[in-house]
Amino acid sequence: MKQMKAYIRKYNLIKNGDKIVVAFSGGPDSVYLLMGLLDLKKELDISLVAVHINHKLQRIAEEHAEFVREFCEEHDVPLYYYEKDINSYAKQCKISIEEAGRKFRYQKFYEVKKMLGFDSIAVAHHQDDRAETVLYRLARGTGWKGLAGIRAVQNGIIRPMLEISKQDIVKYLEQAGQKYNIDPSNQDIFYARNRIRHQIIPELKQVNPQAVRHICDLAEQMDEIGDYLEAEIRVYYDRCVEQKKDRWIISIYELEKCHAFMQKEILKKALAGAAGRERDLSRRHIQDLMQLAGAQTGRKVDLPYQVEAWKQYDHLILQKKDPYGGSEEIFIIEEGEYKIPFANGILKAKITQKNEEILQNMYTKTFDYDKINHSMAVRTYREGDYFIMNRQGQHKKLNRYFIDQKIPGDQRRRIPIVADGSHVMWIIGRRVSEAYQVTQETKSILQLSWEPMEEA
């Protein structure tokens, strides 16, 4: 227990007064964890509750649950008990039984933590688990982040036992005469992690008896390196990437100033942001973005999770595909000329000061630049588009405007508009939204002009 307490102090995992949810299967690891925390309770004013999940996968599960109840009653630890048919749940979610069990367990851990207003969730991962995780990720394919294996603190979860070996855990419990549950499935080498545990790690120990410790030393080092790299990546990411609502705009000019490693990390971070997750984003997807940066403007690439990326002059733009399968889109990122092939026109954007005179007509309009909220783009109609009709702020749906103007349905998605998110600034050649009107308070004026392309 001294080793566990030293690790808790080293990483400041638990402070006086902390309230902790303990994942408690009743196996040797979680028994050791709860015993250690109960011992720590004598020194620190901490509160503990246990959570046990009955996966209903084995007949012995009821006996395991009974042991958990008895242990918690004996040590005066409140218990939250849940049952779930994980086999059916896995089929329902179309995932493996292992993944389904983990998903449900952590769902309940977080639910109890939130319900009680507790500070953290303690789980019983140990040194061997960390080494197994590193090897598993290496075999499956991983990057530098994966080499850290299991981290001491992550997403409200603490792991106080990462420097303690499985052998030392079992030895301590046997010497203390403490019983624990034995899960027969842990011996089944059908599962990949069990093959690593029972076949690969023993072979590595033949090479060096300290193999597990050395793998964990590497993981610890990669964890520290990872903290440093994350901070560095954030600095360069902020230079290269601008997020505007649901779009990630990457400056190729700034990106090319970075080291090749940093370029890939910036692109991966932007792609993960657009996708909403990092899982299943591979080196191949990052390489696709690297190649796109060197391609000609207008080129596109499809990426996981319905993300599409395209090159627009000196920028890469990432966003989720239009759920309505709608329009093509060109973003107006800075001053200049923008070819709009789908509308056979050229949009010119210029920012001027208020004291300059601008002659407006059907194809030249001015807007209060500071009132633009999102990424300005030239596109065609999408469901939900609207504009402001008058100075009283009355909204009008673009679709209703088309109907009132008796514009045929097949032509509505051909009319180019300039949009600020779903707010239509300008129906080109027709009318503008009053929301962007230049007033006495206007500081910067955006001038937009439309010209038809000359036929080739």
Protein backbone atom coordinates (compact mmCIF):
# COMPACT_ATOMS: atom_id res chain seq x y z
CA MET A 1 0.00 0.00 0.00
CA LYS A 2 2.97 2.33 0.53
CA GLN A 3 3.74 2.17 -3.20
CA MET A 4 0.19 3.16 -4.08
CA LYS A 5 0.18 6.07 -1.62
CA ALA A 6 3.51 7.28 -3.00
CA TYR A 7 2.09 7.24 -6.54
CA ILE A 8 -1.00 9.17 -5.39
CA ARG A 9 1.26 11.85 -3.85
CA LYS A 10 3.54 11.91 -6.91
CA TYR A 11 0.70 12.82 -9.25
CA ASN A 12 -1.53 14.56 -6.69
CA LEU A 13 -4.34 12.14 -7.60
CA ILE A 14 -6.28 12.55 -4.35
CA LYS A 15 -6.56 15.57 -2.07
CA ASN A 16 -8.00 15.97 1.39
CA GLY A 17 -11.80 16.05 1.20
CA ASP A 18 -12.04 14.36 -2.22
CA LYS A 19 -15.09 12.27 -3.03
CA ILE A 20 -14.28 9.20 -5.12
CA VAL A 21 -16.33 6.69 -7.12
CA VAL A 22 -14.51 3.32 -7.06
CA ALA A 23 -14.97 0.85 -9.92
CA PHE A 24 -15.37 -2.41 -8.02
CA SER A 25 -15.63 -5.77 -9.77
CA GLY A 26 -14.48 -7.70 -6.72
CA GLY A 27 -11.48 -9.06 -8.62
CA PRO A 28 -7.99 -8.90 -7.07
CA ASP A 29 -7.12 -5.55 -8.65
CA SER A 30 -10.25 -3.68 -7.54
CA VAL A 31 -10.13 -5.29 -4.08
CA TYR A 32 -6.53 -4.07 -3.67
CA LEU A 33 -7.60 -0.61 -4.89
CA LEU A 34 -10.53 -0.30 -2.48
CA MET A 35 -8.46 -1.62 0.43
CA GLY A 36 -5.78 0.94 -0.37
CA LEU A 37 -8.29 3.77 -0.52
CA LEU A 38 -9.88 2.66 2.76
CA ASP A 39 -6.42 2.73 4.31
CA LEU A 40 -5.83 6.21 2.85
CA LYS A 41 -9.13 7.32 4.38
CA LYS A 42 -7.47 7.06 7.79
CA GLU A 43 -5.07 9.84 6.73
CA LEU A 44 -7.26 11.98 4.47
CA ASP A 45 -10.87 13.01 4.86
CA ILE A 46 -12.09 11.29 1.69
CA SER A 47 -15.49 9.81 0.79
CA LEU A 48 -15.85 6.54 -1.11
CA VAL A 49 -18.67 4.79 -2.95
CA ALA A 50 -18.34 1.59 -5.00
CA VAL A 51 -19.99 0.80 -8.33
CA HIS A 52 -20.43 -2.80 -9.48
CA ILE A 53 -21.73 -3.91 -12.87
CA ASN A 54 -23.19 -7.39 -13.39
CA HIS A 55 -22.69 -8.08 -17.10
CA LYS A 56 -24.83 -11.24 -16.94
CA LEU A 57 -22.31 -13.09 -19.11
CA GLN A 58 -21.52 -15.95 -16.71
CA ARG A 59 -23.41 -18.05 -14.20
CA ILE A 60 -20.86 -17.12 -11.57
CA ALA A 61 -21.76 -13.42 -11.95
CA GLU A 62 -24.34 -13.63 -9.15
CA GLU A 63 -21.75 -15.10 -6.76
CA HIS A 64 -19.37 -12.27 -7.68
CA ALA A 65 -22.08 -9.70 -6.99
CA GLU A 66 -22.79 -11.27 -3.59
CA PHE A 67 -19.10 -11.07 -2.66
CA VAL A 68 -19.08 -7.38 -3.65
CA ARG A 69 -22.13 -6.69 -1.48
CA GLU A 70 -20.60 -8.46 1.52
CA PHE A 71 -17.25 -6.68 1.15
CA CYS A 72 -18.89 -3.26 0.92
CA GLU A 73 -21.15 -3.96 3.91
CA GLU A 74 -18.19 -5.17 5.98
CA HIS A 75 -16.18 -2.00 5.20
CA ASP A 76 -19.15 0.39 5.33
CA VAL A 77 -18.79 1.48 1.68
CA PRO A 78 -22.02 2.54 -0.09
CA LEU A 79 -22.60 0.36 -3.18
CA TYR A 80 -24.31 1.21 -6.46
CA TYR A 81 -25.21 -2.02 -8.24
CA TYR A 82 -26.29 -2.34 -11.90
CA GLU A 83 -27.19 -5.25 -14.15
CA LYS A 84 -27.00 -5.32 -17.94
CA ASP A 85 -27.31 -8.06 -20.54
CA ILE A 86 -24.07 -7.11 -22.27
CA ASN A 87 -24.45 -9.79 -24.93
CA SER A 88 -27.69 -8.21 -26.17
CA TYR A 89 -26.29 -4.71 -25.68
CA ALA A 90 -23.30 -5.55 -27.90
CA LYS A 91 -25.59 -6.79 -30.68
CA GLN A 92 -27.76 -3.70 -30.32
CA CYS A 93 -24.75 -1.37 -30.58
CA LYS A 94 -23.05 -3.57 -33.22
CA ILE A 95 -19.82 -3.68 -31.25
CA SER A 96 -17.77 -6.41 -29.56
CA ILE A 97 -18.74 -7.78 -26.14
CA GLU A 98 -15.52 -6.34 -24.68
CA GLU A 99 -16.28 -2.87 -26.04
CA ALA A 100 -19.95 -3.06 -25.01
CA GLY A 101 -19.00 -3.99 -21.43
CA ARG A 102 -16.52 -1.16 -21.20
CA LYS A 103 -18.96 1.35 -22.70
CA PHE A 104 -21.73 0.48 -20.24
CA ARG A 105 -19.38 0.37 -17.23
CA TYR A 106 -17.96 3.82 -17.81
CA GLN A 107 -21.38 5.21 -18.62
CA LYS A 108 -22.53 4.15 -15.14
CA PHE A 109 -19.33 5.34 -13.43
CA TYR A 110 -19.83 8.82 -14.87
CA GLU A 111 -23.56 8.79 -14.07
CA VAL A 112 -22.89 8.04 -10.39
CA LYS A 113 -20.11 10.64 -10.25
CA LYS A 114 -22.42 13.31 -11.68
CA MET A 115 -25.41 12.26 -9.58
CA LEU A 116 -23.44 12.48 -6.31
CA GLY A 117 -21.31 15.47 -7.29
CA PHE A 118 -18.11 13.48 -6.68
CA ASP A 119 -14.62 14.51 -7.79
CA SER A 120 -13.17 11.49 -9.57
CA ILE A 121 -13.50 7.84 -10.59
CA ALA A 122 -10.80 5.45 -9.37
CA VAL A 123 -10.07 2.37 -11.48
CA ALA A 124 -7.68 -0.49 -10.75
CA HIS A 125 -5.42 -0.54 -13.82
CA HIS A 126 -1.93 -1.65 -12.82
CA GLN A 127 1.57 -1.90 -14.30
CA ASP A 128 0.84 -5.04 -16.33
CA ASP A 129 -2.31 -3.44 -17.77
CA ARG A 130 -0.29 -0.45 -18.94
CA ALA A 131 2.30 -2.64 -20.66
CA GLU A 132 -0.45 -4.73 -22.28
CA THR A 133 -2.12 -1.57 -23.57
CA VAL A 134 1.10 -0.30 -25.16
CA LEU A 135 1.69 -3.65 -26.88
CA TYR A 136 -1.93 -3.90 -27.99
CA ARG A 137 -1.83 -0.44 -29.54
CA LEU A 138 1.50 -1.14 -31.23
CA ALA A 139 0.03 -4.26 -32.79
CA ARG A 140 -3.15 -2.48 -33.88
CA GLY A 141 -1.35 0.65 -35.07
CA THR A 142 -0.80 3.79 -33.02
CA GLY A 143 0.99 7.12 -32.91
CA TRP A 144 3.05 8.80 -30.22
CA LYS A 145 -0.01 9.39 -28.04
CA GLY A 146 -0.80 5.67 -27.95
CA LEU A 147 2.65 4.86 -26.58
CA ALA A 148 1.72 6.52 -23.29
CA GLY A 149 -0.62 3.58 -22.72
CA ILE A 150 -2.90 4.24 -19.76
CA ARG A 151 -2.47 7.65 -18.12
CA ALA A 152 -2.55 8.36 -14.38
CA VAL A 153 -5.23 11.03 -14.78
CA GLN A 154 -7.60 11.36 -17.71
CA ASN A 155 -11.15 12.68 -18.12
CA GLY A 156 -11.95 12.59 -14.42
CA ILE A 157 -10.49 9.08 -13.99
CA ILE A 158 -7.59 8.37 -11.64
CA ARG A 159 -5.39 5.27 -11.72
CA PRO A 160 -3.40 5.00 -8.46
CA MET A 161 -1.92 1.54 -9.19
CA LEU A 162 0.07 2.05 -12.43
CA GLU A 163 3.41 1.37 -10.74
CA ILE A 164 2.24 -1.84 -9.01
CA SER A 165 2.63 -5.22 -10.71
CA LYS A 166 -0.07 -7.87 -10.84
CA GLN A 167 2.27 -10.23 -9.00
CA ASP A 168 2.65 -7.80 -6.09
CA ILE A 169 -1.14 -7.26 -5.93
CA VAL A 170 -1.91 -10.97 -5.65
CA LYS A 171 0.95 -11.51 -3.21
CA TYR A 172 -0.34 -8.76 -0.90
CA LEU A 173 -3.90 -10.13 -0.90
CA GLU A 174 -2.74 -13.68 -0.19
CA GLN A 175 -0.57 -12.54 2.70
CA ALA A 176 -3.52 -10.53 4.09
CA GLY A 177 -5.81 -13.55 3.73
CA GLN A 178 -8.18 -11.44 1.63
CA LYS A 179 -10.51 -13.28 -0.75
CA TYR A 180 -11.45 -11.93 -4.22
CA ASN A 181 -13.40 -12.87 -7.32
CA ILE A 182 -11.76 -14.74 -10.18
CA ASP A 183 -13.10 -14.01 -13.66
CA PRO A 184 -12.71 -17.14 -15.86
CA SER A 185 -12.92 -15.02 -19.04
CA ASN A 186 -9.53 -13.49 -18.20
CA GLN A 187 -7.96 -16.83 -19.13
CA ASP A 188 -9.67 -17.04 -22.54
CA ILE A 189 -7.05 -16.31 -25.21
CA PHE A 190 -9.82 -15.71 -27.75
CA TYR A 191 -9.58 -12.11 -26.58
CA ALA A 192 -6.59 -10.18 -27.93
CA ARG A 193 -5.59 -8.66 -24.61
CA ASN A 194 -5.56 -12.08 -22.96
CA ARG A 195 -3.24 -13.40 -25.69
CA ILE A 196 -0.88 -10.52 -24.97
CA ARG A 197 -1.14 -11.19 -21.22
CA HIS A 198 -0.69 -14.96 -21.29
CA GLN A 199 1.46 -15.53 -24.39
CA ILE A 200 3.36 -12.43 -25.52
CA ILE A 201 4.39 -10.88 -22.20
CA PRO A 202 5.73 -14.20 -20.79
CA GLU A 203 7.90 -14.50 -23.93
CA LEU A 204 9.19 -10.94 -23.48
CA LYS A 205 10.07 -11.78 -19.88
CA GLN A 206 12.25 -14.57 -21.23
CA VAL A 207 14.21 -11.87 -23.07
CA ASN A 208 14.31 -9.64 -19.98
CA PRO A 209 12.52 -10.33 -16.67
CA GLN A 210 12.03 -6.56 -16.30
CA ALA A 211 10.29 -6.22 -19.70
CA VAL A 212 6.97 -5.01 -18.24
CA ARG A 213 8.65 -2.36 -16.12
CA HIS A 214 10.74 -1.14 -19.08
CA ILE A 215 7.65 -0.88 -21.30
CA CYS A 216 5.93 1.13 -18.56
CA ASP A 217 8.99 3.38 -18.17
CA LEU A 218 8.70 4.16 -21.89
CA ALA A 219 4.97 4.83 -21.49
CA GLU A 220 5.70 7.19 -18.58
CA GLN A 221 8.27 9.03 -20.67
CA MET A 222 5.88 9.30 -23.63
CA ASP A 223 3.23 10.68 -21.28
CA GLU A 224 5.60 13.49 -20.25
CA ILE A 225 6.68 14.10 -23.85
CA GLY A 226 3.03 14.15 -24.83
CA ASP A 227 2.24 16.95 -22.38
CA TYR A 228 5.08 19.00 -23.90
CA LEU A 229 4.06 18.27 -27.49
CA GLU A 230 0.39 19.09 -26.87
CA ALA A 231 1.38 22.57 -25.66
CA GLU A 232 3.68 23.11 -28.66
CA ILE A 233 1.08 21.84 -31.13
CA ARG A 234 -1.50 24.26 -29.70
CA VAL A 235 0.84 27.23 -30.36
CA TYR A 236 1.39 26.31 -34.02
CA TYR A 237 -2.23 25.21 -34.49
CA ASP A 238 -3.46 28.64 -33.44
CA ARG A 239 -1.18 30.22 -36.03
CA CYS A 240 -2.38 27.99 -38.86
CA VAL A 241 -6.04 27.23 -38.15
CA GLU A 242 -9.08 29.43 -37.77
CA GLN A 243 -12.35 27.86 -36.70
CA LYS A 244 -15.52 29.59 -37.80
CA LYS A 245 -18.52 27.78 -36.42
CA ASP A 246 -18.51 24.37 -38.16
CA ARG A 247 -15.63 25.08 -40.54
CA TRP A 248 -11.89 24.70 -40.02
CA ILE A 249 -9.86 27.03 -42.27
CA ILE A 250 -6.16 26.17 -42.55
CA SER A 251 -3.60 28.60 -43.93
CA ILE A 252 -1.32 26.63 -46.24
CA TYR A 253 1.22 29.48 -46.11
CA GLU A 254 1.51 29.21 -42.31
CA LEU A 255 1.35 25.41 -42.40
CA GLU A 256 4.33 25.16 -44.75
CA LYS A 257 6.47 27.13 -42.28
CA CYS A 258 6.16 24.24 -39.81
CA HIS A 259 8.22 21.06 -39.50
CA ALA A 260 6.69 18.05 -41.31
CA PHE A 261 5.81 16.42 -37.97
CA MET A 262 4.04 19.58 -36.79
CA GLN A 263 2.17 19.91 -40.11
CA LYS A 264 0.68 16.44 -39.66
CA GLU A 265 -0.28 17.09 -36.04
CA ILE A 266 -1.98 20.37 -36.97
CA LEU A 267 -3.93 18.68 -39.76
CA LYS A 268 -4.91 15.80 -37.48
CA LYS A 269 -6.11 18.19 -34.78
CA ALA A 270 -8.18 20.16 -37.31
CA LEU A 271 -9.62 16.97 -38.81
CA ALA A 272 -10.51 15.64 -35.35
CA GLY A 273 -12.25 18.92 -34.62
CA ALA A 274 -14.29 18.78 -37.81
CA ALA A 275 -15.07 15.07 -37.31
CA GLY A 276 -15.96 15.46 -33.65
CA ARG A 277 -13.66 12.60 -32.65
CA GLU A 278 -10.11 11.34 -33.17
CA ARG A 279 -10.79 7.62 -33.27
CA ASP A 280 -10.19 5.91 -36.65
CA LEU A 281 -8.38 8.92 -38.11
CA SER A 282 -5.30 7.35 -39.64
CA ARG A 283 -2.01 8.44 -41.20
CA ARG A 284 -3.58 7.87 -44.61
CA HIS A 285 -6.21 10.54 -43.96
CA ILE A 286 -3.54 13.04 -42.88
CA GLN A 287 -1.52 12.18 -45.98
CA ASP A 288 -4.61 12.89 -48.10
CA LEU A 289 -4.75 16.38 -46.58
CA MET A 290 -1.02 16.90 -47.14
CA GLN A 291 -1.46 16.05 -50.82
CA LEU A 292 -4.54 18.26 -51.07
CA ALA A 293 -2.49 21.22 -49.81
CA GLY A 294 -0.22 20.80 -52.84
CA ALA A 295 -3.04 20.31 -55.34
CA GLN A 296 -4.74 22.94 -57.47
CA THR A 297 -7.55 25.06 -56.07
CA GLY A 298 -10.98 23.47 -56.14
CA ARG A 299 -9.75 19.92 -55.49
CA LYS A 300 -11.68 17.95 -52.85
CA VAL A 301 -11.19 14.86 -50.71
CA ASP A 302 -13.71 12.84 -48.67
CA LEU A 303 -12.68 11.97 -45.11
CA PRO A 304 -14.16 9.90 -42.24
CA TYR A 305 -17.32 10.92 -40.36
CA GLN A 306 -18.80 12.78 -43.36
CA VAL A 307 -16.02 15.38 -43.37
CA GLU A 308 -15.00 16.84 -46.69
CA ALA A 309 -11.95 18.99 -47.35
CA TRP A 310 -11.10 21.15 -50.31
CA LYS A 311 -8.43 23.57 -51.39
CA GLN A 312 -9.43 27.16 -51.92
CA TYR A 313 -6.48 29.21 -53.11
CA ASP A 314 -4.07 29.40 -50.14
CA HIS A 315 -6.33 27.59 -47.69
CA LEU A 316 -7.62 24.13 -46.87
CA ILE A 317 -11.21 24.08 -45.64
CA LEU A 318 -12.72 21.22 -43.62
CA GLN A 319 -16.37 20.78 -42.70
CA LYS A 320 -19.09 18.20 -42.39
CA LYS A 321 -20.99 17.53 -45.57
CA ASP A 322 -24.28 19.35 -46.03
CA PRO A 323 -26.91 17.03 -44.49
CA TYR A 324 -29.34 18.13 -47.18
CA GLY A 325 -26.90 17.18 -49.93
CA GLY A 326 -27.19 20.82 -50.89
CA SER A 327 -25.01 23.36 -52.48
CA GLU A 328 -21.51 23.93 -53.56
CA GLU A 329 -19.74 26.57 -51.52
CA ILE A 330 -16.85 29.04 -51.79
CA PHE A 331 -15.71 30.76 -48.61
CA ILE A 332 -14.80 34.44 -48.65
CA ILE A 333 -11.84 34.44 -46.30
CA GLU A 334 -10.13 37.71 -47.21
CA GLU A 335 -10.16 40.53 -49.75
CA GLY A 336 -9.75 39.55 -53.38
CA GLU A 337 -11.45 37.94 -56.36
CA TYR A 338 -13.22 34.60 -56.07
CA LYS A 339 -14.24 32.51 -59.03
CA ILE A 340 -17.65 30.91 -58.48
CA PRO A 341 -17.78 28.17 -61.14
CA PHE A 342 -21.19 26.78 -60.15
CA ALA A 343 -22.76 30.23 -60.73
CA ASN A 344 -20.48 31.22 -63.64
CA GLY A 345 -19.42 34.42 -61.91
CA ILE A 346 -16.69 36.27 -60.04
CA LEU A 347 -17.22 37.85 -56.62
CA LYS A 348 -14.91 40.70 -55.63
CA ALA A 349 -14.53 41.50 -51.92
CA LYS A 350 -13.01 44.70 -50.60
CA ILE A 351 -12.92 46.22 -47.11
CA THR A 352 -12.99 50.03 -47.05
CA GLN A 353 -13.36 52.84 -44.54
CA LYS A 354 -16.62 54.66 -44.07
CA ASN A 355 -15.48 57.96 -45.56
CA GLU A 356 -14.97 56.38 -48.99
CA GLU A 357 -17.81 56.83 -51.47
CA ILE A 358 -19.13 53.62 -52.98
CA LEU A 359 -21.57 53.57 -55.87
CA GLN A 360 -24.10 50.80 -55.27
CA ASN A 361 -26.19 49.07 -57.90
CA MET A 362 -27.81 45.68 -58.50
CA TYR A 363 -24.41 43.93 -58.56
CA THR A 364 -22.41 46.03 -56.07
CA LYS A 365 -23.52 46.12 -52.44
CA THR A 366 -22.08 47.28 -49.13
CA PHE A 367 -22.31 45.67 -45.69
CA ASP A 368 -21.25 46.47 -42.13
CA TYR A 369 -18.23 44.17 -41.93
CA ASP A 370 -18.26 43.91 -38.10
CA LYS A 371 -21.79 42.50 -38.09
CA ILE A 372 -20.73 39.30 -39.85
CA ASN A 373 -20.85 36.49 -37.28
CA HIS A 374 -19.64 33.34 -39.04
CA SER A 375 -17.76 32.26 -42.16
CA MET A 376 -19.01 34.24 -45.14
CA ALA A 377 -19.56 32.08 -48.20
CA VAL A 378 -21.00 32.16 -51.69
CA ARG A 379 -23.33 29.22 -52.17
CA THR A 380 -26.86 28.31 -53.15
CA TYR A 381 -30.04 27.80 -51.15
CA ARG A 382 -30.19 25.51 -48.11
CA GLU A 383 -33.07 24.59 -45.86
CA GLY A 384 -33.31 27.11 -43.00
CA ASP A 385 -31.83 30.09 -44.89
CA TYR A 386 -33.39 33.45 -44.02
CA PHE A 387 -32.80 37.20 -44.27
CA ILE A 388 -34.00 40.35 -42.47
CA MET A 389 -36.63 42.15 -44.52
CA ASN A 390 -36.77 45.55 -42.86
CA ARG A 391 -35.36 47.80 -40.15
CA GLN A 392 -37.88 46.36 -37.68
CA GLY A 393 -35.95 43.07 -37.84
CA GLN A 394 -38.65 40.98 -39.50
CA HIS A 395 -37.32 37.59 -40.66
CA LYS A 396 -38.22 35.99 -43.95
CA LYS A 397 -37.36 32.45 -45.01
CA LEU A 398 -35.47 32.38 -48.29
CA ASN A 399 -37.74 29.62 -49.55
CA ARG A 400 -40.80 31.83 -48.90
CA TYR A 401 -39.09 34.69 -50.75
CA PHE A 402 -38.55 32.42 -53.76
CA ILE A 403 -42.21 31.38 -53.66
CA ASP A 404 -43.39 35.01 -53.41
CA GLN A 405 -41.15 35.95 -56.32
CA LYS A 406 -42.59 33.00 -58.30
CA ILE A 407 -39.13 31.52 -58.89
CA PRO A 408 -39.53 27.91 -60.13
CA GLY A 409 -38.35 25.22 -57.73
CA ASP A 410 -35.74 23.84 -60.12
CA GLN A 411 -34.09 27.27 -60.34
CA ARG A 412 -33.90 28.06 -56.63
CA ARG A 413 -30.69 26.07 -56.03
CA ARG A 414 -29.02 27.80 -58.98
CA ILE A 415 -29.29 31.35 -57.63
CA PRO A 416 -26.03 32.40 -55.91
CA ILE A 417 -26.27 33.94 -52.45
CA VAL A 418 -23.74 35.36 -50.00
CA ALA A 419 -24.44 33.84 -46.59
CA ASP A 420 -23.25 34.35 -43.02
CA GLY A 421 -24.11 30.88 -41.68
CA SER A 422 -27.85 30.52 -42.34
CA HIS A 423 -28.32 34.28 -42.55
CA VAL A 424 -28.45 35.38 -46.20
CA MET A 425 -26.58 38.67 -46.61
CA TRP A 426 -27.22 39.06 -50.31
CA ILE A 427 -29.36 37.28 -52.88
CA ILE A 428 -27.05 38.26 -55.70
CA GLY A 429 -28.76 40.45 -58.26
CA ARG A 430 -31.89 40.72 -56.12
CA ARG A 431 -31.85 42.03 -52.54
CA VAL A 432 -29.82 42.28 -49.33
CA SER A 433 -30.55 41.65 -45.66
CA GLU A 434 -31.22 44.81 -43.65
CA ALA A 435 -29.23 43.34 -40.73
CA TYR A 436 -25.91 44.31 -42.34
CA GLN A 437 -26.92 47.84 -43.33
CA VAL A 438 -24.18 50.49 -43.06
CA THR A 439 -25.05 53.01 -40.31
CA GLN A 440 -23.45 55.96 -38.49
CA GLU A 441 -21.82 53.43 -36.11
CA THR A 442 -20.22 51.40 -38.90
CA LYS A 443 -16.42 51.31 -38.73
CA SER A 444 -15.49 49.03 -41.65
CA ILE A 445 -17.46 48.51 -44.85
CA LEU A 446 -17.41 45.31 -46.86
CA GLN A 447 -17.96 45.99 -50.55
CA LEU A 448 -19.06 43.02 -52.66
CA SER A 449 -19.28 43.13 -56.44
CA TRP A 450 -20.51 40.44 -58.81
CA GLU A 451 -19.39 39.98 -62.40
CA PRO A 452 -20.39 37.24 -64.82
CA MET A 453 -17.53 35.11 -66.15
CA GLU A 454 -16.68 35.51 -69.79
CA GLU A 455 -17.54 32.46 -71.84
CA ALA A 456 -14.48 30.44 -72.86
